N, C-alpha and C. Protein backbone atom coordinates (compact mmCIF):
# COMPACT_ATOMS: atom_id res chain seq x y z
N MET A 1 0.71 -1.18 0.00
CA MET A 1 0.07 -0.10 0.03
C MET A 1 0.76 1.13 0.04
N SER A 2 0.18 2.14 -0.63
CA SER A 2 0.87 3.46 -0.47
C SER A 2 0.56 4.37 0.25
N VAL A 3 1.08 4.70 1.17
CA VAL A 3 0.98 5.21 2.63
C VAL A 3 0.88 6.84 2.08
N PRO A 4 1.61 7.70 1.19
CA PRO A 4 0.93 8.87 0.44
C PRO A 4 -0.53 8.76 0.16
N HIS A 5 -0.47 7.63 -0.72
CA HIS A 5 -1.74 7.77 -1.55
C HIS A 5 -3.21 7.50 -0.31
N ALA A 6 -2.76 6.91 0.48
CA ALA A 6 -3.89 6.35 1.37
C ALA A 6 -4.00 7.95 2.03
N LEU A 7 -2.97 8.52 2.84
CA LEU A 7 -3.22 9.80 2.92
C LEU A 7 -3.95 10.60 2.22
N LEU A 8 -4.36 10.68 0.77
CA LEU A 8 -4.63 11.54 0.31
C LEU A 8 -6.00 11.41 0.18
N ALA A 9 -6.43 9.72 0.09
CA ALA A 9 -7.35 9.06 0.20
C ALA A 9 -8.58 10.15 1.21
N LEU A 10 -7.77 9.82 2.76
CA LEU A 10 -8.10 10.53 3.67
C LEU A 10 -8.69 12.05 3.62
N LEU A 11 -7.34 12.50 3.10
CA LEU A 11 -7.74 14.21 3.32
C LEU A 11 -8.89 14.22 1.80
N SER A 12 -9.20 13.35 1.21
CA SER A 12 -10.08 13.82 -0.03
C SER A 12 -11.44 13.86 0.51
N GLU A 13 -11.95 13.40 1.76
CA GLU A 13 -13.32 13.35 2.81
C GLU A 13 -13.28 15.04 3.20
N ARG A 14 -12.08 15.29 4.02
CA ARG A 14 -11.99 16.93 4.50
C ARG A 14 -10.91 17.06 4.95
N PRO A 15 -10.62 18.55 5.01
CA PRO A 15 -9.07 18.60 5.87
C PRO A 15 -9.24 18.02 7.29
N LYS A 16 -8.11 17.44 7.38
CA LYS A 16 -7.58 16.83 9.06
C LYS A 16 -6.12 17.12 9.31
N TYR A 17 -6.10 16.87 10.62
CA TYR A 17 -4.72 16.79 11.80
C TYR A 17 -4.03 15.54 11.06
N GLY A 18 -2.50 16.03 11.47
CA GLY A 18 -1.99 14.46 11.21
C GLY A 18 -1.71 13.77 12.05
N LEU A 19 -2.41 13.85 13.49
CA LEU A 19 -2.79 12.74 14.56
C LEU A 19 -4.15 12.11 13.92
N ARG A 20 -4.71 12.83 13.47
CA ARG A 20 -6.15 12.43 13.16
C ARG A 20 -5.94 11.33 11.65
N LEU A 21 -5.01 11.88 10.68
CA LEU A 21 -4.85 10.96 9.95
C LEU A 21 -4.53 9.73 9.91
N GLN A 22 -3.32 9.42 11.02
CA GLN A 22 -2.74 8.28 11.72
C GLN A 22 -3.58 7.49 11.91
N ASN A 23 -4.66 7.87 13.14
CA ASN A 23 -5.47 7.06 13.72
C ASN A 23 -6.42 6.66 12.51
N GLU A 24 -7.30 7.84 11.61
CA GLU A 24 -8.01 6.96 10.32
C GLU A 24 -7.13 5.83 9.70
N PHE A 25 -6.22 6.14 9.20
CA PHE A 25 -5.20 5.43 8.53
C PHE A 25 -5.16 3.52 9.06
N GLU A 26 -4.83 3.78 10.39
CA GLU A 26 -4.87 2.34 11.23
C GLU A 26 -6.41 1.55 10.86
N SER A 27 -7.33 2.71 11.42
CA SER A 27 -8.90 1.98 11.53
C SER A 27 -9.20 1.46 10.54
N ARG A 28 -9.02 2.24 9.45
CA ARG A 28 -9.61 1.56 8.09
C ARG A 28 -8.64 0.70 7.61
N THR A 29 -7.35 0.59 7.90
CA THR A 29 -6.45 -0.60 7.73
C THR A 29 -6.82 -1.80 7.99
N GLY A 30 -7.64 -1.97 9.08
CA GLY A 30 -8.59 -2.84 10.14
C GLY A 30 -7.16 -3.18 11.32
N GLU A 31 -6.63 -2.14 11.19
CA GLU A 31 -5.93 -2.26 12.38
C GLU A 31 -4.60 -3.36 12.11
N VAL A 32 -4.05 -3.39 10.78
CA VAL A 32 -3.19 -4.32 10.92
C VAL A 32 -2.10 -3.67 10.49
N TRP A 33 -2.24 -2.69 9.92
CA TRP A 33 -0.77 -1.89 9.87
C TRP A 33 -0.49 -0.46 10.60
N PRO A 34 0.15 -0.63 11.50
CA PRO A 34 0.26 0.20 12.72
C PRO A 34 1.04 1.25 11.60
N LEU A 35 0.71 2.84 11.84
CA LEU A 35 1.56 3.76 11.31
C LEU A 35 2.30 4.64 12.10
N ASN A 36 3.59 4.88 12.01
CA ASN A 36 4.23 5.72 12.95
C ASN A 36 3.80 7.31 12.90
N VAL A 37 3.57 8.30 13.67
CA VAL A 37 3.11 9.35 13.77
C VAL A 37 4.16 10.43 12.69
N GLY A 38 5.31 10.28 13.26
CA GLY A 38 6.41 10.64 12.33
C GLY A 38 6.46 10.58 10.97
N GLN A 39 6.15 9.00 10.60
CA GLN A 39 5.95 8.92 8.67
C GLN A 39 4.77 9.92 8.53
N VAL A 40 3.92 9.68 8.77
CA VAL A 40 2.46 10.97 8.72
C VAL A 40 3.08 12.01 8.13
N TYR A 41 3.77 12.81 9.41
CA TYR A 41 3.75 14.13 8.99
C TYR A 41 5.21 14.21 8.21
N THR A 42 6.34 13.30 8.15
CA THR A 42 7.37 13.33 6.86
C THR A 42 6.64 13.13 5.41
N THR A 43 5.41 12.07 5.78
CA THR A 43 5.05 11.81 4.31
C THR A 43 4.14 12.99 3.75
N LEU A 44 3.32 13.99 4.56
CA LEU A 44 2.36 15.51 4.55
C LEU A 44 3.68 16.43 4.16
N GLN A 45 4.74 16.11 4.74
CA GLN A 45 5.59 17.13 4.07
C GLN A 45 6.03 17.27 2.75
N ARG A 46 6.41 15.89 2.35
CA ARG A 46 6.72 15.39 1.05
C ARG A 46 5.33 16.04 -0.16
N LEU A 47 4.02 15.62 0.19
CA LEU A 47 3.20 15.65 -0.38
C LEU A 47 2.50 17.44 -0.65
N GLU A 48 3.12 18.35 0.45
CA GLU A 48 3.30 19.34 0.53
C GLU A 48 4.05 20.06 -0.62
N ARG A 49 5.09 19.39 -0.11
CA ARG A 49 6.30 19.67 -1.04
C ARG A 49 6.06 19.59 -2.51
N ASP A 50 5.47 18.59 -2.66
CA ASP A 50 5.03 18.21 -4.48
C ASP A 50 3.57 18.94 -4.89
N GLY A 51 2.65 19.68 -3.99
CA GLY A 51 1.77 20.57 -4.09
C GLY A 51 0.51 19.58 -4.27
N LEU A 52 0.64 18.59 -3.78
CA LEU A 52 -0.43 17.64 -3.45
C LEU A 52 -1.35 17.92 -2.08
N VAL A 53 -0.96 18.57 -1.36
CA VAL A 53 -1.78 18.71 -0.13
C VAL A 53 -0.86 20.07 0.23
N GLN A 54 -1.90 20.78 1.15
CA GLN A 54 -1.78 22.42 1.21
C GLN A 54 -2.00 22.00 3.22
N THR A 55 -1.76 23.81 3.68
CA THR A 55 -1.83 23.55 5.14
C THR A 55 -2.83 24.79 5.02
N ASP A 56 -3.37 24.81 6.32
CA ASP A 56 -4.29 26.08 6.48
C ASP A 56 -3.30 27.05 6.99
N GLU A 57 -3.43 28.44 6.78
CA GLU A 57 -2.02 29.58 6.84
C GLU A 57 -2.39 29.60 8.13
N GLY A 58 -1.48 30.27 8.82
CA GLY A 58 -0.95 30.78 10.13
C GLY A 58 -1.11 29.96 11.53
N GLU A 59 -1.02 28.84 10.92
CA GLU A 59 -0.67 28.05 12.16
C GLU A 59 0.63 27.05 11.91
N GLY A 60 1.72 27.43 13.39
CA GLY A 60 3.28 27.08 12.85
C GLY A 60 3.08 25.59 12.98
N ASP A 61 2.94 25.36 14.56
CA ASP A 61 3.19 24.08 15.03
C ASP A 61 2.68 22.94 13.98
N ARG A 62 3.32 21.83 13.44
CA ARG A 62 2.90 20.60 12.95
C ARG A 62 1.37 19.85 13.35
N SER A 63 1.64 20.00 14.95
CA SER A 63 0.43 19.21 15.01
C SER A 63 -0.60 19.82 15.13
N ARG A 64 -0.79 21.08 14.72
CA ARG A 64 -1.96 22.16 14.87
C ARG A 64 -2.19 22.54 13.47
N LYS A 65 -1.26 21.93 12.40
CA LYS A 65 -1.81 22.09 11.11
C LYS A 65 -3.08 21.07 10.16
N ARG A 66 -3.79 21.86 9.83
CA ARG A 66 -4.87 21.03 9.26
C ARG A 66 -4.72 20.97 7.43
N TYR A 67 -4.30 19.48 6.96
CA TYR A 67 -3.91 19.62 5.85
C TYR A 67 -5.14 19.05 4.84
N ARG A 68 -4.87 20.01 3.68
CA ARG A 68 -6.53 19.52 2.83
C ARG A 68 -5.45 19.18 1.50
N ILE A 69 -6.46 18.33 0.41
CA ILE A 69 -5.88 17.97 -0.59
C ILE A 69 -5.96 18.90 -1.84
N THR A 70 -4.99 19.08 -2.69
CA THR A 70 -5.33 20.32 -3.65
C THR A 70 -6.09 19.59 -4.47
N SER A 71 -6.35 20.03 -5.99
CA SER A 71 -6.74 19.56 -7.07
C SER A 71 -5.82 18.73 -7.64
N ALA A 72 -4.29 19.08 -7.52
CA ALA A 72 -3.17 18.14 -7.79
C ALA A 72 -3.50 16.75 -7.59
N GLY A 73 -3.58 16.94 -5.85
CA GLY A 73 -3.77 15.58 -5.22
C GLY A 73 -4.71 14.94 -5.75
N GLY A 74 -5.92 15.75 -6.00
CA GLY A 74 -7.13 14.80 -6.16
C GLY A 74 -7.04 14.47 -7.76
N ARG A 75 -6.05 14.67 -8.57
CA ARG A 75 -5.81 14.04 -9.66
C ARG A 75 -4.88 12.98 -9.88
N GLU A 76 -3.76 12.78 -8.73
CA GLU A 76 -3.04 11.99 -8.17
C GLU A 76 -3.76 10.93 -7.79
N LEU A 77 -4.43 11.07 -6.82
CA LEU A 77 -5.21 9.91 -6.21
C LEU A 77 -5.85 8.83 -7.01
N ALA A 78 -6.60 9.94 -7.90
CA ALA A 78 -7.59 9.27 -9.29
C ALA A 78 -6.56 8.43 -9.93
N ASP A 79 -5.72 9.23 -10.43
CA ASP A 79 -4.55 7.98 -11.27
C ASP A 79 -4.40 6.95 -10.49
N TRP A 80 -3.94 7.25 -9.38
CA TRP A 80 -2.94 5.93 -8.53
C TRP A 80 -4.57 4.62 -8.33
N LEU A 81 -5.63 5.09 -7.99
CA LEU A 81 -6.58 4.22 -7.98
C LEU A 81 -7.12 3.32 -9.09
N ARG A 82 -7.00 3.93 -10.40
CA ARG A 82 -7.14 3.66 -11.41
C ARG A 82 -6.00 2.52 -11.80
N THR A 83 -4.80 3.14 -11.76
CA THR A 83 -3.65 2.15 -11.79
C THR A 83 -3.59 0.90 -11.63
N PRO A 84 -3.27 -0.36 -12.45
CA PRO A 84 -3.17 -1.26 -11.68
C PRO A 84 -1.82 -1.66 -11.43
N PRO A 85 -1.99 -2.13 -10.09
CA PRO A 85 -0.08 -2.61 -9.47
C PRO A 85 0.44 -3.80 -9.97
N ASP A 86 1.71 -3.48 -10.06
CA ASP A 86 2.59 -4.31 -10.81
C ASP A 86 2.57 -5.71 -10.56
N LEU A 87 1.39 -6.73 -10.81
CA LEU A 87 1.24 -7.81 -10.50
C LEU A 87 2.31 -9.52 -10.71
N VAL A 88 3.38 -8.71 -11.28
CA VAL A 88 4.60 -9.64 -11.54
C VAL A 88 5.33 -9.94 -9.80
N PRO A 89 5.18 -11.30 -9.66
CA PRO A 89 5.94 -11.62 -8.23
C PRO A 89 7.18 -11.17 -7.99
N PRO A 90 7.55 -10.85 -6.62
CA PRO A 90 9.13 -10.50 -6.67
C PRO A 90 9.65 -11.48 -6.87
N PRO A 91 11.18 -11.25 -7.22
CA PRO A 91 12.10 -12.18 -7.53
C PRO A 91 12.70 -12.91 -6.45
N ARG A 92 12.64 -12.29 -5.61
CA ARG A 92 13.55 -12.97 -4.29
C ARG A 92 12.32 -13.55 -3.09
N ASP A 93 11.08 -14.44 -3.07
CA ASP A 93 10.59 -14.73 -2.44
C ASP A 93 11.16 -15.95 -1.43
N GLU A 94 11.39 -15.66 -0.39
CA GLU A 94 12.35 -16.43 0.42
C GLU A 94 11.40 -17.74 0.47
N LEU A 95 10.04 -18.18 1.15
CA LEU A 95 9.97 -19.19 0.62
C LEU A 95 10.42 -20.26 -0.59
N VAL A 96 10.54 -19.53 -1.55
CA VAL A 96 10.95 -20.16 -2.89
C VAL A 96 12.44 -20.26 -2.61
N ILE A 97 13.17 -19.58 -2.41
CA ILE A 97 14.81 -19.58 -2.19
C ILE A 97 14.57 -20.96 -1.02
N LYS A 98 14.57 -20.86 -0.21
CA LYS A 98 14.54 -21.93 0.97
C LYS A 98 14.04 -23.32 0.13
N VAL A 99 13.38 -23.48 -0.42
CA VAL A 99 13.11 -24.76 -1.05
C VAL A 99 13.91 -25.12 -1.89
N LEU A 100 14.24 -24.12 -3.00
CA LEU A 100 15.21 -24.22 -3.94
C LEU A 100 16.91 -24.84 -3.24
N VAL A 101 17.35 -24.28 -2.21
CA VAL A 101 18.27 -24.37 -1.53
C VAL A 101 18.58 -25.61 -0.83
N ALA A 102 17.37 -26.12 -0.45
CA ALA A 102 16.99 -27.12 0.33
C ALA A 102 17.08 -28.26 -0.80
N LEU A 103 16.73 -28.07 -1.37
CA LEU A 103 17.43 -29.53 -2.66
C LEU A 103 18.73 -29.72 -3.00
N GLN A 104 19.58 -28.43 -2.52
CA GLN A 104 20.68 -28.38 -2.74
C GLN A 104 21.72 -29.42 -1.78
N VAL A 105 21.13 -29.16 -0.25
CA VAL A 105 21.66 -29.69 1.12
C VAL A 105 21.99 -30.75 1.04
N PRO A 106 22.84 -31.65 0.89
CA PRO A 106 22.84 -33.24 1.51
C PRO A 106 22.42 -33.46 2.59
N GLY A 107 21.22 -34.65 2.81
CA GLY A 107 20.73 -35.28 3.69
C GLY A 107 19.62 -34.27 3.98
N THR A 108 19.25 -33.47 3.06
CA THR A 108 18.10 -32.83 3.55
C THR A 108 17.13 -33.05 3.36
N ASP A 109 15.62 -33.44 3.87
CA ASP A 109 14.19 -33.94 3.30
C ASP A 109 13.63 -32.79 3.09
N VAL A 110 13.84 -32.27 1.59
CA VAL A 110 13.01 -30.91 1.13
C VAL A 110 11.06 -31.82 1.29
N HIS A 111 11.01 -32.50 0.85
CA HIS A 111 9.18 -32.65 1.69
C HIS A 111 9.00 -32.68 3.37
N GLU A 112 10.04 -33.00 3.99
CA GLU A 112 9.96 -32.19 5.33
C GLU A 112 9.81 -31.00 5.35
N ILE A 113 10.42 -30.23 4.51
CA ILE A 113 10.64 -28.90 4.83
C ILE A 113 9.65 -27.91 4.14
N LEU A 114 9.06 -28.60 3.32
CA LEU A 114 7.81 -27.92 2.30
C LEU A 114 6.42 -28.29 3.63
N GLN A 115 6.34 -29.59 4.34
CA GLN A 115 5.14 -29.79 5.25
C GLN A 115 5.44 -28.90 6.03
N VAL A 116 6.72 -28.51 7.01
CA VAL A 116 7.02 -27.73 8.31
C VAL A 116 6.39 -26.55 7.29
N HIS A 117 6.68 -26.05 6.53
CA HIS A 117 6.10 -24.33 5.92
C HIS A 117 4.37 -24.34 5.96
N ARG A 118 4.19 -25.79 5.13
CA ARG A 118 3.04 -25.81 4.88
C ARG A 118 2.10 -25.83 6.54
N ARG A 119 2.79 -26.36 7.66
CA ARG A 119 1.77 -26.35 8.62
C ARG A 119 1.65 -25.13 9.27
N HIS A 120 3.01 -24.13 8.90
CA HIS A 120 2.72 -22.73 9.46
C HIS A 120 1.78 -22.12 8.79
N VAL A 121 1.58 -21.81 7.97
CA VAL A 121 0.77 -21.13 6.88
C VAL A 121 -0.34 -21.69 7.53
N ILE A 122 -0.71 -22.75 7.68
CA ILE A 122 -2.26 -23.35 7.91
C ILE A 122 -2.82 -22.90 8.84
N GLU A 123 -1.67 -22.88 10.17
CA GLU A 123 -1.82 -22.01 11.38
C GLU A 123 -2.12 -21.03 11.59
N THR A 124 -1.27 -20.20 10.22
CA THR A 124 -1.79 -18.53 10.43
C THR A 124 -2.63 -18.50 9.71
N MET A 125 -3.46 -19.42 8.31
CA MET A 125 -4.67 -18.85 8.07
C MET A 125 -5.42 -19.19 9.12
N GLN A 126 -5.51 -20.40 10.39
CA GLN A 126 -6.42 -20.42 11.05
C GLN A 126 -6.34 -19.04 12.17
N ARG A 127 -5.48 -18.66 12.14
CA ARG A 127 -5.69 -17.60 13.44
C ARG A 127 -6.37 -16.17 12.54
N TYR A 128 -6.51 -15.91 11.28
CA TYR A 128 -6.90 -15.16 10.34
C TYR A 128 -8.19 -15.36 10.69
N THR A 129 -8.57 -16.87 10.30
CA THR A 129 -10.18 -17.04 10.47
C THR A 129 -10.63 -16.51 11.57
N LYS A 130 -9.85 -16.94 13.01
CA LYS A 130 -10.69 -16.70 13.90
C LYS A 130 -10.67 -15.11 14.11
N VAL A 131 -9.82 -14.35 13.75
CA VAL A 131 -9.90 -13.07 13.93
C VAL A 131 -10.82 -12.39 13.07
N LYS A 132 -11.68 -13.23 11.59
CA LYS A 132 -12.14 -12.85 11.03
C LYS A 132 -13.86 -13.26 11.56
N ALA A 133 -13.57 -14.41 12.35
CA ALA A 133 -15.16 -14.64 12.64
C ALA A 133 -15.86 -14.05 13.97
N ALA A 134 -14.44 -13.10 14.53
CA ALA A 134 -14.80 -12.58 16.09
C ALA A 134 -15.36 -11.19 15.69
N ALA A 135 -15.03 -10.88 14.51
CA ALA A 135 -15.22 -9.10 14.10
C ALA A 135 -16.58 -8.67 13.98
N ALA A 136 -16.66 -7.85 14.19
CA ALA A 136 -18.10 -7.24 14.28
C ALA A 136 -18.82 -7.16 12.73
N GLU A 137 -20.24 -7.50 12.47
CA GLU A 137 -20.43 -6.83 11.23
C GLU A 137 -20.04 -5.98 10.77
N ASP A 138 -19.75 -4.79 11.19
CA ASP A 138 -19.30 -3.73 10.82
C ASP A 138 -17.99 -3.16 10.74
N GLU A 139 -17.20 -4.45 10.75
CA GLU A 139 -16.02 -3.87 11.02
C GLU A 139 -15.10 -4.78 9.42
N VAL A 140 -15.82 -3.89 8.44
CA VAL A 140 -15.48 -4.24 6.48
C VAL A 140 -14.07 -4.25 6.76
N ALA A 141 -13.35 -3.43 7.38
CA ALA A 141 -12.20 -2.99 6.83
C ALA A 141 -11.52 -4.17 7.22
N LEU A 142 -11.45 -4.45 8.54
CA LEU A 142 -10.62 -6.19 9.17
C LEU A 142 -10.87 -7.13 8.45
N ALA A 143 -12.43 -7.30 7.93
CA ALA A 143 -12.95 -8.53 7.28
C ALA A 143 -12.19 -8.73 6.09
N LEU A 144 -12.16 -7.11 5.24
CA LEU A 144 -11.67 -7.24 3.73
C LEU A 144 -10.07 -7.89 3.79
N VAL A 145 -9.16 -7.34 5.23
CA VAL A 145 -7.71 -7.13 5.04
C VAL A 145 -7.70 -9.31 5.44
N ALA A 146 -8.62 -9.59 6.32
CA ALA A 146 -8.51 -11.01 6.68
C ALA A 146 -8.69 -11.63 5.33
N ASP A 147 -9.82 -11.63 4.82
CA ASP A 147 -10.24 -12.11 3.37
C ASP A 147 -8.79 -12.48 2.19
N ALA A 148 -7.83 -10.90 2.34
CA ALA A 148 -6.88 -10.87 1.16
C ALA A 148 -5.88 -11.48 2.19
N GLU A 149 -5.45 -11.79 3.30
CA GLU A 149 -4.62 -12.28 3.58
C GLU A 149 -4.69 -13.84 3.38
N LEU A 150 -6.07 -14.45 3.85
CA LEU A 150 -6.55 -15.71 3.67
C LEU A 150 -6.02 -16.60 2.12
N PHE A 151 -6.82 -15.41 1.62
CA PHE A 151 -6.77 -15.76 0.30
C PHE A 151 -4.72 -15.77 -0.59
N ARG A 152 -4.16 -14.95 0.00
CA ARG A 152 -2.68 -15.08 -0.06
C ARG A 152 -2.12 -16.19 0.33
N LEU A 153 -2.22 -16.48 1.84
CA LEU A 153 -1.82 -17.73 2.40
C LEU A 153 -2.24 -18.94 1.94
N GLU A 154 -3.66 -18.94 0.90
CA GLU A 154 -4.07 -20.53 0.22
C GLU A 154 -3.09 -20.53 -0.86
N ALA A 155 -2.88 -19.39 -1.71
CA ALA A 155 -1.99 -19.58 -2.55
C ALA A 155 -0.53 -20.02 -2.38
N ILE A 156 -0.23 -19.68 -0.99
CA ILE A 156 1.10 -20.38 -0.82
C ILE A 156 1.08 -21.83 -0.31
N VAL A 157 -0.10 -21.93 0.31
CA VAL A 157 -0.24 -23.55 0.22
C VAL A 157 -0.46 -24.52 -0.74
N ARG A 158 -1.12 -23.84 -1.99
CA ARG A 158 -1.41 -24.43 -3.35
C ARG A 158 0.00 -24.71 -3.72
N TRP A 159 0.83 -23.77 -3.67
CA TRP A 159 2.26 -24.01 -4.11
C TRP A 159 3.11 -24.84 -3.64
N LEU A 160 2.89 -24.82 -2.35
CA LEU A 160 3.47 -26.04 -1.43
C LEU A 160 3.27 -27.37 -1.86
N ASP A 161 1.98 -27.62 -1.93
CA ASP A 161 1.54 -28.67 -2.37
C ASP A 161 1.75 -29.07 -3.93
N ALA A 162 1.63 -28.31 -4.48
CA ALA A 162 2.08 -28.23 -6.28
C ALA A 162 3.76 -28.64 -6.33
N ALA A 163 4.59 -28.16 -5.64
CA ALA A 163 5.71 -28.54 -5.41
C ALA A 163 6.07 -29.78 -4.71
N ASP A 164 5.49 -30.00 -3.99
CA ASP A 164 6.17 -31.46 -3.41
C ASP A 164 5.80 -32.45 -3.99
N VAL A 165 4.48 -32.37 -5.28
CA VAL A 165 3.97 -33.25 -6.13
C VAL A 165 5.08 -33.09 -7.26
N ARG A 166 5.33 -31.98 -7.25
CA ARG A 166 6.67 -31.77 -8.38
C ARG A 166 7.92 -32.92 -8.20
N LEU A 167 8.00 -32.33 -6.69
CA LEU A 167 9.37 -33.17 -6.53
C LEU A 167 9.43 -34.63 -6.13
N LYS A 168 8.04 -35.28 -5.87
CA LYS A 168 8.12 -36.57 -5.74
C LYS A 168 8.13 -37.34 -7.16
N GLN A 169 8.03 -36.93 -8.67
CA GLN A 169 8.24 -37.08 -9.33
C GLN A 169 9.29 -37.39 -9.71
N LEU A 170 10.25 -36.64 -9.04
CA LEU A 170 11.63 -36.27 -9.93
C LEU A 170 12.27 -37.87 -9.68
N PRO A 171 13.26 -38.08 -10.37
CA PRO A 171 14.17 -39.76 -9.81
C PRO A 171 15.06 -39.20 -8.90
N SER A 172 15.48 -39.82 -8.09
CA SER A 172 16.33 -39.97 -7.14
C SER A 172 17.72 -39.83 -8.04
N PRO A 173 18.38 -38.72 -7.42
CA PRO A 173 19.82 -38.64 -7.99
C PRO A 173 20.70 -39.62 -7.32
N THR A 174 21.54 -40.18 -8.12
CA THR A 174 22.66 -40.94 -7.36
C THR A 174 23.72 -40.09 -7.20
N PRO A 175 24.21 -40.51 -5.50
CA PRO A 175 25.14 -40.11 -5.21
C PRO A 175 26.32 -38.79 -5.96
N GLY A 176 27.15 -40.15 -6.78
CA GLY A 176 28.05 -39.26 -7.53
C GLY A 176 27.64 -38.51 -8.65
N ALA A 177 26.46 -38.69 -9.26
CA ALA A 177 26.08 -38.09 -10.39
C ALA A 177 25.95 -36.54 -10.18
N VAL A 178 25.43 -36.12 -8.91
CA VAL A 178 25.06 -34.58 -8.20
C VAL A 178 26.77 -34.23 -8.19
N ALA A 179 27.38 -34.42 -7.82
CA ALA A 179 28.60 -33.79 -7.72
C ALA A 179 29.21 -33.63 -8.71
N ASP A 180 29.35 -34.91 -10.01
CA ASP A 180 29.94 -34.42 -11.20
C ASP A 180 29.55 -33.55 -12.29
N THR A 181 28.02 -33.40 -12.06
CA THR A 181 27.46 -32.29 -13.06
C THR A 181 27.57 -30.95 -13.12
N PRO A 182 28.31 -30.65 -14.64
CA PRO A 182 28.36 -29.09 -14.52
C PRO A 182 27.34 -28.45 -14.57
N LEU A 183 27.69 -27.20 -13.89
CA LEU A 183 26.62 -26.08 -13.91
C LEU A 183 26.46 -25.51 -14.67
N GLU A 184 25.17 -25.10 -15.49
CA GLU A 184 24.89 -24.48 -16.74
C GLU A 184 24.48 -23.20 -16.38
N PRO A 185 24.88 -21.88 -16.70
CA PRO A 185 23.93 -20.73 -16.48
C PRO A 185 22.97 -20.60 -16.58
N THR A 186 21.83 -20.01 -15.88
CA THR A 186 20.35 -20.04 -16.45
C THR A 186 20.30 -19.00 -16.97
N GLN A 187 18.96 -18.88 -17.77
CA GLN A 187 18.61 -17.25 -18.22
C GLN A 187 17.56 -16.91 -17.09
N PRO A 188 17.56 -15.44 -16.89
CA PRO A 188 16.71 -15.38 -16.34
C PRO A 188 14.91 -15.24 -16.95
N MET A 189 14.27 -15.26 -16.09
CA MET A 189 12.86 -15.71 -16.89
C MET A 189 12.26 -14.34 -16.53
N GLU A 190 11.63 -14.00 -17.51
CA GLU A 190 10.48 -12.69 -17.63
C GLU A 190 9.22 -12.91 -18.23
N VAL A 191 8.35 -12.50 -17.04
CA VAL A 191 6.97 -12.38 -17.50
C VAL A 191 6.24 -11.32 -17.75
N SER A 192 5.96 -11.24 -18.99
CA SER A 192 5.25 -9.86 -19.49
C SER A 192 3.96 -10.24 -19.95
N GLN A 193 3.47 -8.54 -20.02
CA GLN A 193 2.07 -8.69 -20.31
C GLN A 193 1.65 -8.69 -22.14
């Protein structure tokens, strides 16, 4: 999530003070993303420098300044909302790297490694399910955040299961063959639209 754009969205409702922006940011993101008040003010200063917000005139102390979105800020917010995020996965997913490394470590049972991570993800999913079940009906932000995390975690479980099946289909290497196999450079994979 873009903190600057989230602050612009909150300011699109009406002018607000920095501390109120921090409180509203946290409550509207289901209180799962704590935001330091210093980060709020630093971000507001950059937004003001860039002409996307302005402050009420004549007030000096930053905690007493009310911020309002400018027309340029409104356009920036509208553009951001309509621009799809980059969906290409990050090139360095730690779980994927762990599995790839585990394949190369002698004596490591990669299937056991996959199951350890699978159990952890399932336990995390159970916690999010409990949070969602305990949420009040009007806590829409919390429910949406929990749903997003549950879907993300479900995808990880599906990948772990698919990796386990794929790896079980590989022939077992003979001990001497692995050490004698020359390494070939790999080409980077590019996912384009």
